[in-house]
Amino acid sequence: MKRSAFFYGLSAVALVLYVILALRAVHDWAGWVLALGFISLAIAFRGNRFLQGLSFTVLIFAVVTIALYHPEYFLQWGGFKLSELIIPLIQLIMFGMGTAMSVKDFTAVIKHPKGVVIGVMSQFVIMPFVGFLLASVSGFPPEIAAGIVLIGCSPSGLASNVMSYLAKANLALSITVTSITTLLAPFVTPLLMKLLAGALVEIDVLKMMWDIFKMIIIPIGAGLLFNKLLSGRSKWLDDAMPLVSMFGIAFILVIIVAAGRNNLLMIGPALIVLVFIHNSCGYLLGYWAGRLFKLPERDCRTIAIEVGMQNGGLASGISKEMGKMATVGLAPAVFGPLMNITGSALASWWHNHPPETKEAAHSEERPVKSKSIR
């Protein structure tokens, strides 16, 4: 308790000092002080069981702050461009996802296909078309607008599993929908992008399919094989993968923010508003899609979280492979931290407001093995 109070105080002091430095235009130090404030707040949040889910997101704000104030640190080291690390990091994250999966995760498709089908269809219908509508009215340059469509066409990520677990929703359904949408992404995402964003940016469907295949299918396949052959025999790796995933996501984000700094400063507030609307529509329409087909309340909540939370890391990797990280990659960079804030808030609300009637669980729930946030 005393430690949390200390870091809350340190965060407040850093915020006041940042305001002073910003007003005096001492920008070289202002960014570091603000980052210190975010780091202190993240540590303080770790001591509160209601806020600890936001600690990683606050740390993301810290690294984004440094990237905005000092992008020169995250563009290249020596002659090596840091953007070359994005794809290997995504593959490492996907490998971690594979190690947390097994064939059992897909048995729900056979036992209770209705919720899974509605979840997968909602994921690849609601978010892409909402993204297309928002991109159409945004007035943004075509490549930046295409980034809004891209995040909508991406599958859900493991963050949705964590939020479903916290919300006491149907975790088995969440894991299954995430797994299936991820495995379908190499085929569905390029086709949706060609259909909805082809007028905004050139889309090479076959190349994008291969890019997503090597970012998803190969590493997840390796992870599944590892899980089958070596699961439990390398506990240190099982424990390390969530931390590695979180580091990878943070590093990918900071590289993209540094590369797109000028564009982000120019359209940042408007982009944040549109991304928030996109994210909120995912929760709302996903929930009512479940209600429309008369799914149990727990399943409706699960589908809301699955649809609203996208795999921003994958979208960032796609933008990098397109060679448009500083434009197409901006919307995914904003979507990631924002969805974790809204997702945590929604999960906390539902955690404290369980369904009024007892509903039969569709499948046995089990703890999430990996808590990577995408």
Protein backbone atom coordinates (compact mmCIF):
# COMPACT_ATOMS: atom_id res chain seq x y z
CA MET A 1 0.00 0.00 0.00
CA LYS A 2 2.82 2.37 0.93
CA ARG A 3 4.65 1.51 -2.28
CA SER A 4 1.55 2.29 -4.38
CA ALA A 5 1.10 5.62 -2.58
CA PHE A 6 4.73 6.51 -3.28
CA PHE A 7 4.40 5.83 -7.00
CA TYR A 8 1.06 7.66 -7.22
CA GLY A 9 2.81 10.65 -5.66
CA LEU A 10 5.80 10.34 -7.98
CA SER A 11 3.44 10.20 -10.97
CA ALA A 12 1.66 13.38 -9.82
CA VAL A 13 4.96 15.21 -9.32
CA ALA A 14 6.14 14.13 -12.77
CA LEU A 15 2.91 15.40 -14.34
CA VAL A 16 3.27 18.81 -12.70
CA LEU A 17 6.92 19.02 -13.72
CA TYR A 18 5.99 18.01 -17.28
CA VAL A 19 3.44 20.84 -17.52
CA ILE A 20 6.08 23.32 -16.35
CA LEU A 21 8.67 22.05 -18.82
CA ALA A 22 6.14 22.01 -21.67
CA LEU A 23 5.10 25.59 -20.96
CA ARG A 24 8.76 26.60 -20.95
CA ALA A 25 9.29 24.65 -24.21
CA VAL A 26 12.00 22.48 -22.64
CA HIS A 27 11.08 19.58 -24.90
CA ASP A 28 14.32 17.62 -24.50
CA TRP A 29 13.42 16.85 -20.89
CA ALA A 30 9.62 17.06 -21.03
CA GLY A 31 9.23 13.71 -22.80
CA TRP A 32 11.43 11.85 -20.32
CA VAL A 33 9.57 13.34 -17.36
CA LEU A 34 6.16 12.43 -18.79
CA ALA A 35 7.38 8.88 -19.50
CA LEU A 36 8.57 8.65 -15.89
CA GLY A 37 5.09 9.70 -14.77
CA PHE A 38 3.47 6.95 -16.84
CA ILE A 39 5.93 4.31 -15.58
CA SER A 40 5.27 5.35 -11.98
CA LEU A 41 1.53 5.16 -12.56
CA ALA A 42 1.86 1.69 -14.10
CA ILE A 43 3.77 0.45 -11.04
CA ALA A 44 1.13 1.97 -8.76
CA PHE A 45 -1.64 0.26 -10.73
CA ARG A 46 0.03 -3.12 -10.13
CA GLY A 47 -0.92 -2.77 -6.45
CA ASN A 48 -4.64 -2.38 -7.21
CA ARG A 49 -6.52 -5.49 -8.33
CA PHE A 50 -9.08 -3.37 -10.19
CA LEU A 51 -6.47 -1.34 -12.07
CA GLN A 52 -3.64 -3.82 -12.58
CA GLY A 53 -5.06 -4.85 -15.96
CA LEU A 54 -4.29 -1.32 -17.19
CA SER A 55 -0.65 -1.31 -16.09
CA PHE A 56 0.66 -2.64 -19.43
CA THR A 57 -1.38 -0.07 -21.35
CA VAL A 58 0.06 2.75 -19.21
CA LEU A 59 3.56 1.43 -19.92
CA ILE A 60 2.66 1.59 -23.62
CA PHE A 61 1.86 5.28 -23.14
CA ALA A 62 5.34 5.72 -21.65
CA VAL A 63 7.15 4.22 -24.63
CA VAL A 64 4.89 6.06 -27.09
CA THR A 65 5.75 9.31 -25.32
CA ILE A 66 9.46 8.68 -25.83
CA ALA A 67 8.85 7.76 -29.48
CA LEU A 68 6.96 11.02 -30.08
CA TYR A 69 9.54 13.22 -28.36
CA HIS A 70 12.65 11.35 -29.48
CA PRO A 71 11.86 9.33 -32.62
CA GLU A 72 15.53 9.30 -33.60
CA TYR A 73 16.17 6.53 -31.06
CA PHE A 74 13.74 4.14 -32.74
CA LEU A 75 14.38 4.54 -36.46
CA GLN A 76 17.77 2.89 -36.81
CA TRP A 77 20.80 1.90 -34.76
CA GLY A 78 23.97 2.35 -36.70
CA GLY A 79 23.08 1.24 -40.21
CA PHE A 80 20.36 -1.18 -39.08
CA LYS A 81 16.72 -0.14 -39.53
CA LEU A 82 14.70 -1.18 -36.50
CA SER A 83 11.64 -1.75 -38.68
CA GLU A 84 13.34 -4.99 -39.82
CA LEU A 85 12.61 -6.42 -36.36
CA ILE A 86 8.83 -6.10 -36.68
CA ILE A 87 8.15 -9.33 -38.60
CA PRO A 88 10.42 -11.54 -36.43
CA LEU A 89 8.77 -10.11 -33.31
CA ILE A 90 5.29 -10.83 -34.65
CA GLN A 91 6.36 -14.38 -35.50
CA LEU A 92 7.67 -14.78 -31.96
CA ILE A 93 4.35 -13.53 -30.55
CA MET A 94 2.40 -15.90 -32.78
CA PHE A 95 4.65 -18.77 -31.68
CA GLY A 96 3.72 -17.86 -28.11
CA MET A 97 0.05 -17.98 -29.07
CA GLY A 98 0.61 -21.43 -30.59
CA THR A 99 2.21 -22.73 -27.39
CA ALA A 100 -0.93 -21.64 -25.51
CA MET A 101 -3.23 -23.55 -27.90
CA SER A 102 -4.05 -27.18 -28.46
CA VAL A 103 -6.41 -29.25 -30.57
CA LYS A 104 -8.83 -29.21 -27.62
CA ASP A 105 -9.40 -25.48 -28.21
CA PHE A 106 -11.29 -26.35 -31.39
CA THR A 107 -13.59 -29.01 -29.97
CA ALA A 108 -16.18 -26.32 -29.15
CA VAL A 109 -16.82 -25.98 -32.89
CA ILE A 110 -18.21 -29.50 -32.93
CA LYS A 111 -20.01 -29.33 -29.58
CA HIS A 112 -21.55 -25.86 -29.87
CA PRO A 113 -21.03 -24.46 -33.38
CA LYS A 114 -23.68 -21.72 -33.20
CA GLY A 115 -21.74 -19.33 -30.96
CA VAL A 116 -18.49 -19.95 -32.83
CA VAL A 117 -20.04 -19.35 -36.27
CA ILE A 118 -21.74 -16.14 -35.11
CA GLY A 119 -18.52 -14.95 -33.48
CA VAL A 120 -16.36 -15.59 -36.54
CA MET A 121 -18.88 -14.11 -38.96
CA SER A 122 -19.39 -11.03 -36.78
CA GLN A 123 -15.62 -10.53 -36.58
CA PHE A 124 -15.17 -10.52 -40.36
CA VAL A 125 -18.35 -8.57 -41.19
CA ILE A 126 -18.87 -5.91 -38.52
CA MET A 127 -15.37 -4.50 -38.05
CA PRO A 128 -14.30 -4.42 -41.74
CA PHE A 129 -17.45 -2.62 -42.88
CA VAL A 130 -17.52 -0.21 -39.93
CA GLY A 131 -13.87 0.53 -40.71
CA PHE A 132 -14.75 1.13 -44.36
CA LEU A 133 -17.53 3.58 -43.41
CA LEU A 134 -15.30 5.48 -40.99
CA ALA A 135 -12.45 5.62 -43.52
CA SER A 136 -14.88 6.94 -46.15
CA VAL A 137 -16.00 9.89 -44.01
CA SER A 138 -12.65 10.57 -42.32
CA GLY A 139 -11.19 12.92 -44.92
CA PHE A 140 -7.77 11.42 -44.17
CA PRO A 141 -5.15 10.82 -46.86
CA PRO A 142 -5.93 7.51 -48.63
CA GLU A 143 -3.13 5.46 -47.05
CA ILE A 144 -3.99 6.57 -43.51
CA ALA A 145 -7.67 5.86 -44.16
CA ALA A 146 -6.70 2.41 -45.44
CA GLY A 147 -5.15 1.73 -42.03
CA ILE A 148 -8.60 2.06 -40.43
CA VAL A 149 -9.92 -0.56 -42.84
CA LEU A 150 -6.90 -2.78 -42.16
CA ILE A 151 -7.42 -2.92 -38.40
CA GLY A 152 -11.05 -3.80 -39.08
CA CYS A 153 -10.08 -6.64 -41.40
CA SER A 154 -7.67 -8.17 -38.87
CA PRO A 155 -8.61 -11.09 -36.61
CA SER A 156 -9.09 -10.85 -32.87
CA GLY A 157 -6.05 -11.28 -30.63
CA LEU A 158 -5.21 -12.88 -27.29
CA ALA A 159 -6.13 -9.65 -25.50
CA SER A 160 -9.77 -10.59 -26.10
CA ASN A 161 -9.22 -13.90 -24.28
CA VAL A 162 -7.80 -12.09 -21.26
CA MET A 163 -10.72 -9.63 -21.18
CA SER A 164 -13.26 -12.46 -21.53
CA TYR A 165 -11.60 -14.20 -18.59
CA LEU A 166 -11.76 -11.02 -16.48
CA ALA A 167 -15.38 -10.38 -17.52
CA LYS A 168 -16.40 -13.94 -16.52
CA ALA A 169 -17.70 -14.45 -20.05
CA ASN A 170 -17.45 -17.72 -22.02
CA LEU A 171 -13.69 -18.19 -22.12
CA ALA A 172 -13.80 -21.40 -24.17
CA LEU A 173 -15.84 -19.62 -26.87
CA SER A 174 -13.41 -16.69 -26.80
CA ILE A 175 -10.36 -18.92 -27.30
CA THR A 176 -12.04 -20.81 -30.14
CA VAL A 177 -13.16 -17.67 -32.01
CA THR A 178 -9.69 -16.11 -31.63
CA SER A 179 -8.01 -19.27 -32.90
CA ILE A 180 -10.27 -19.69 -35.93
CA THR A 181 -10.24 -16.03 -37.00
CA THR A 182 -6.44 -16.02 -36.70
CA LEU A 183 -6.09 -19.12 -38.87
CA LEU A 184 -8.55 -17.72 -41.44
CA ALA A 185 -6.78 -14.36 -41.60
CA PRO A 186 -4.27 -15.28 -44.36
CA PHE A 187 -7.20 -15.89 -46.70
CA VAL A 188 -9.94 -13.53 -45.49
CA THR A 189 -7.99 -10.39 -44.60
CA PRO A 190 -6.36 -9.84 -48.06
CA LEU A 191 -9.69 -10.37 -49.86
CA LEU A 192 -11.50 -7.93 -47.55
CA MET A 193 -8.72 -5.38 -47.98
CA LYS A 194 -8.92 -5.69 -51.77
CA LEU A 195 -12.70 -5.24 -51.65
CA LEU A 196 -12.86 -2.38 -49.13
CA ALA A 197 -9.51 -0.58 -49.42
CA GLY A 198 -8.49 -1.32 -52.99
CA ALA A 199 -9.45 2.21 -54.02
CA LEU A 200 -7.32 3.73 -51.24
CA VAL A 201 -4.09 1.79 -51.56
CA GLU A 202 -2.71 -0.86 -53.91
CA ILE A 203 -3.43 -4.35 -52.57
CA ASP A 204 -1.50 -7.35 -53.86
CA VAL A 205 -3.78 -10.13 -52.61
CA LEU A 206 -1.42 -13.05 -53.17
CA LYS A 207 1.55 -11.26 -51.61
CA MET A 208 -0.54 -10.26 -48.59
CA MET A 209 -1.75 -13.85 -48.22
CA TRP A 210 1.84 -15.08 -48.13
CA ASP A 211 2.93 -12.31 -45.75
CA ILE A 212 0.16 -13.18 -43.28
CA PHE A 213 0.78 -16.91 -43.76
CA LYS A 214 4.42 -16.59 -42.73
CA MET A 215 3.51 -14.28 -39.82
CA ILE A 216 0.72 -16.53 -38.50
CA ILE A 217 0.45 -20.08 -39.79
CA ILE A 218 4.12 -21.10 -39.68
CA PRO A 219 4.90 -19.80 -36.16
CA ILE A 220 1.55 -20.93 -34.71
CA GLY A 221 2.13 -24.36 -36.24
CA ALA A 222 5.55 -24.47 -34.59
CA GLY A 223 3.97 -23.38 -31.31
CA LEU A 224 1.29 -26.09 -31.51
CA LEU A 225 3.99 -28.71 -32.16
CA PHE A 226 6.00 -27.39 -29.23
CA ASN A 227 2.90 -27.54 -27.01
CA LYS A 228 2.23 -31.15 -28.00
CA LEU A 229 5.78 -32.43 -27.64
CA LEU A 230 7.32 -30.31 -24.91
CA SER A 231 4.51 -28.65 -22.94
CA GLY A 232 5.30 -28.66 -19.23
CA ARG A 233 8.90 -29.75 -19.81
CA SER A 234 10.14 -26.20 -20.34
CA LYS A 235 8.28 -24.26 -17.68
CA TRP A 236 10.68 -21.34 -17.97
CA LEU A 237 9.60 -20.84 -21.60
CA ASP A 238 5.89 -21.08 -20.72
CA ASP A 239 6.43 -18.39 -18.08
CA ALA A 240 8.59 -16.22 -20.33
CA MET A 241 6.37 -16.14 -23.43
CA PRO A 242 3.76 -13.67 -22.05
CA LEU A 243 6.55 -11.27 -21.07
CA VAL A 244 8.27 -11.71 -24.43
CA SER A 245 4.97 -11.06 -26.20
CA MET A 246 4.33 -7.87 -24.23
CA PHE A 247 7.86 -6.62 -24.92
CA GLY A 248 7.43 -7.43 -28.62
CA ILE A 249 4.14 -5.55 -28.86
CA ALA A 250 5.58 -2.51 -27.09
CA PHE A 251 8.66 -2.48 -29.33
CA ILE A 252 6.61 -2.83 -32.52
CA LEU A 253 4.37 0.02 -31.42
CA VAL A 254 7.23 2.36 -30.58
CA ILE A 255 8.90 1.75 -33.97
CA ILE A 256 5.67 2.53 -35.85
CA VAL A 257 4.96 5.64 -33.79
CA ALA A 258 8.49 6.92 -34.38
CA ALA A 259 8.24 6.30 -38.13
CA GLY A 260 4.82 7.97 -38.42
CA ARG A 261 5.41 10.74 -35.88
CA ASN A 262 4.76 13.67 -38.21
CA ASN A 263 1.53 12.20 -39.58
CA LEU A 264 0.39 11.24 -36.10
CA LEU A 265 0.95 14.74 -34.72
CA MET A 266 -0.96 16.20 -37.66
CA ILE A 267 -4.10 14.00 -37.46
CA GLY A 268 -3.70 12.35 -34.04
CA PRO A 269 -6.81 13.67 -32.22
CA ALA A 270 -9.14 12.97 -35.15
CA LEU A 271 -7.65 9.50 -35.60
CA ILE A 272 -8.12 8.71 -31.91
CA VAL A 273 -11.79 9.71 -32.13
CA LEU A 274 -12.43 7.51 -35.18
CA VAL A 275 -10.56 4.57 -33.67
CA PHE A 276 -12.61 4.93 -30.48
CA ILE A 277 -15.84 4.90 -32.50
CA HIS A 278 -14.61 1.84 -34.43
CA ASN A 279 -13.72 0.00 -31.23
CA SER A 280 -17.01 0.94 -29.51
CA CYS A 281 -19.08 -0.15 -32.51
CA GLY A 282 -17.34 -3.52 -32.35
CA TYR A 283 -18.42 -4.04 -28.74
CA LEU A 284 -21.97 -2.79 -29.32
CA LEU A 285 -22.72 -4.54 -32.62
CA GLY A 286 -20.95 -7.72 -31.55
CA TYR A 287 -23.09 -7.91 -28.42
CA TRP A 288 -26.33 -7.35 -30.32
CA ALA A 289 -25.33 -9.87 -32.99
CA GLY A 290 -25.35 -12.44 -30.23
CA ARG A 291 -28.67 -11.17 -28.89
CA LEU A 292 -30.17 -11.25 -32.40
CA PHE A 293 -29.44 -14.98 -32.65
CA LYS A 294 -30.65 -15.58 -29.07
CA LEU A 295 -27.31 -16.62 -27.59
CA PRO A 296 -26.92 -16.75 -23.80
CA GLU A 297 -25.85 -13.51 -22.13
CA ARG A 298 -22.35 -14.81 -21.40
CA ASP A 299 -21.86 -15.68 -25.07
CA CYS A 300 -23.14 -12.26 -26.17
CA ARG A 301 -20.57 -10.60 -23.93
CA THR A 302 -17.85 -12.84 -25.30
CA ILE A 303 -18.67 -12.00 -28.91
CA ALA A 304 -18.76 -8.28 -28.04
CA ILE A 305 -15.21 -8.49 -26.71
CA GLU A 306 -14.00 -10.68 -29.59
CA VAL A 307 -15.37 -8.31 -32.23
CA GLY A 308 -14.25 -5.11 -30.51
CA MET A 309 -10.64 -6.17 -29.87
CA GLN A 310 -8.39 -6.68 -32.90
CA ASN A 311 -4.89 -8.03 -33.43
CA GLY A 312 -3.11 -4.71 -33.82
CA GLY A 313 0.30 -6.39 -33.95
CA LEU A 314 -0.63 -8.35 -37.06
CA ALA A 315 -2.08 -5.24 -38.71
CA SER A 316 1.17 -3.42 -37.99
CA GLY A 317 3.16 -6.23 -39.56
CA ILE A 318 0.99 -6.15 -42.67
CA SER A 319 1.52 -2.40 -43.01
CA LYS A 320 5.26 -2.93 -42.72
CA GLU A 321 5.23 -5.59 -45.44
CA MET A 322 3.25 -3.17 -47.61
CA GLY A 323 6.05 -0.64 -47.13
CA LYS A 324 3.60 1.86 -45.64
CA MET A 325 4.31 1.62 -41.91
CA ALA A 326 4.26 5.41 -41.39
CA THR A 327 0.77 5.76 -42.93
CA VAL A 328 -1.23 2.53 -43.08
CA GLY A 329 0.34 1.51 -39.76
CA LEU A 330 -0.93 4.51 -37.78
CA ALA A 331 -4.49 3.31 -37.08
CA PRO A 332 -3.28 -0.07 -35.73
CA ALA A 333 -0.75 1.77 -33.55
CA VAL A 334 -3.54 3.86 -32.00
CA PHE A 335 -6.07 1.01 -31.81
CA GLY A 336 -3.89 -1.27 -29.65
CA PRO A 337 -3.51 0.87 -26.50
CA LEU A 338 -7.02 2.29 -26.79
CA MET A 339 -8.74 -1.12 -27.03
CA ASN A 340 -6.95 -2.28 -23.89
CA ILE A 341 -8.34 0.70 -21.96
CA THR A 342 -11.89 0.23 -23.20
CA GLY A 343 -11.66 -3.56 -22.96
CA SER A 344 -10.45 -3.42 -19.37
CA ALA A 345 -13.23 -1.01 -18.43
CA LEU A 346 -15.89 -3.18 -20.08
CA ALA A 347 -14.50 -6.36 -18.51
CA SER A 348 -14.50 -4.75 -15.07
CA TRP A 349 -18.10 -3.61 -15.50
CA TRP A 350 -19.31 -7.04 -16.57
CA HIS A 351 -17.24 -8.70 -13.83
CA ASN A 352 -19.21 -6.68 -11.27
CA HIS A 353 -22.55 -7.18 -13.07
CA PRO A 354 -22.92 -10.92 -13.76
CA PRO A 355 -25.96 -12.15 -15.72
CA GLU A 356 -29.12 -12.09 -13.61
CA THR A 357 -30.08 -15.65 -14.50
CA LYS A 358 -27.86 -18.68 -14.24
CA GLU A 359 -26.96 -19.97 -17.65
CA ALA A 360 -25.55 -23.34 -18.53
CA ALA A 361 -21.96 -23.08 -19.61
CA HIS A 362 -21.40 -24.31 -23.14
CA SER A 363 -18.02 -25.69 -22.38
CA GLU A 364 -15.62 -26.13 -19.54
CA GLU A 365 -13.61 -23.00 -18.85
CA ARG A 366 -9.96 -23.07 -18.06
CA PRO A 367 -7.37 -20.41 -17.21
CA VAL A 368 -5.66 -18.48 -19.98
CA LYS A 369 -2.13 -19.77 -20.37
CA SER A 370 -0.82 -16.67 -22.08
CA LYS A 371 -1.78 -13.12 -21.23
CA SER A 372 -0.16 -11.38 -24.16
CA ILE A 373 -1.81 -8.07 -24.99
CA ARG A 374 -2.06 -7.20 -28.68
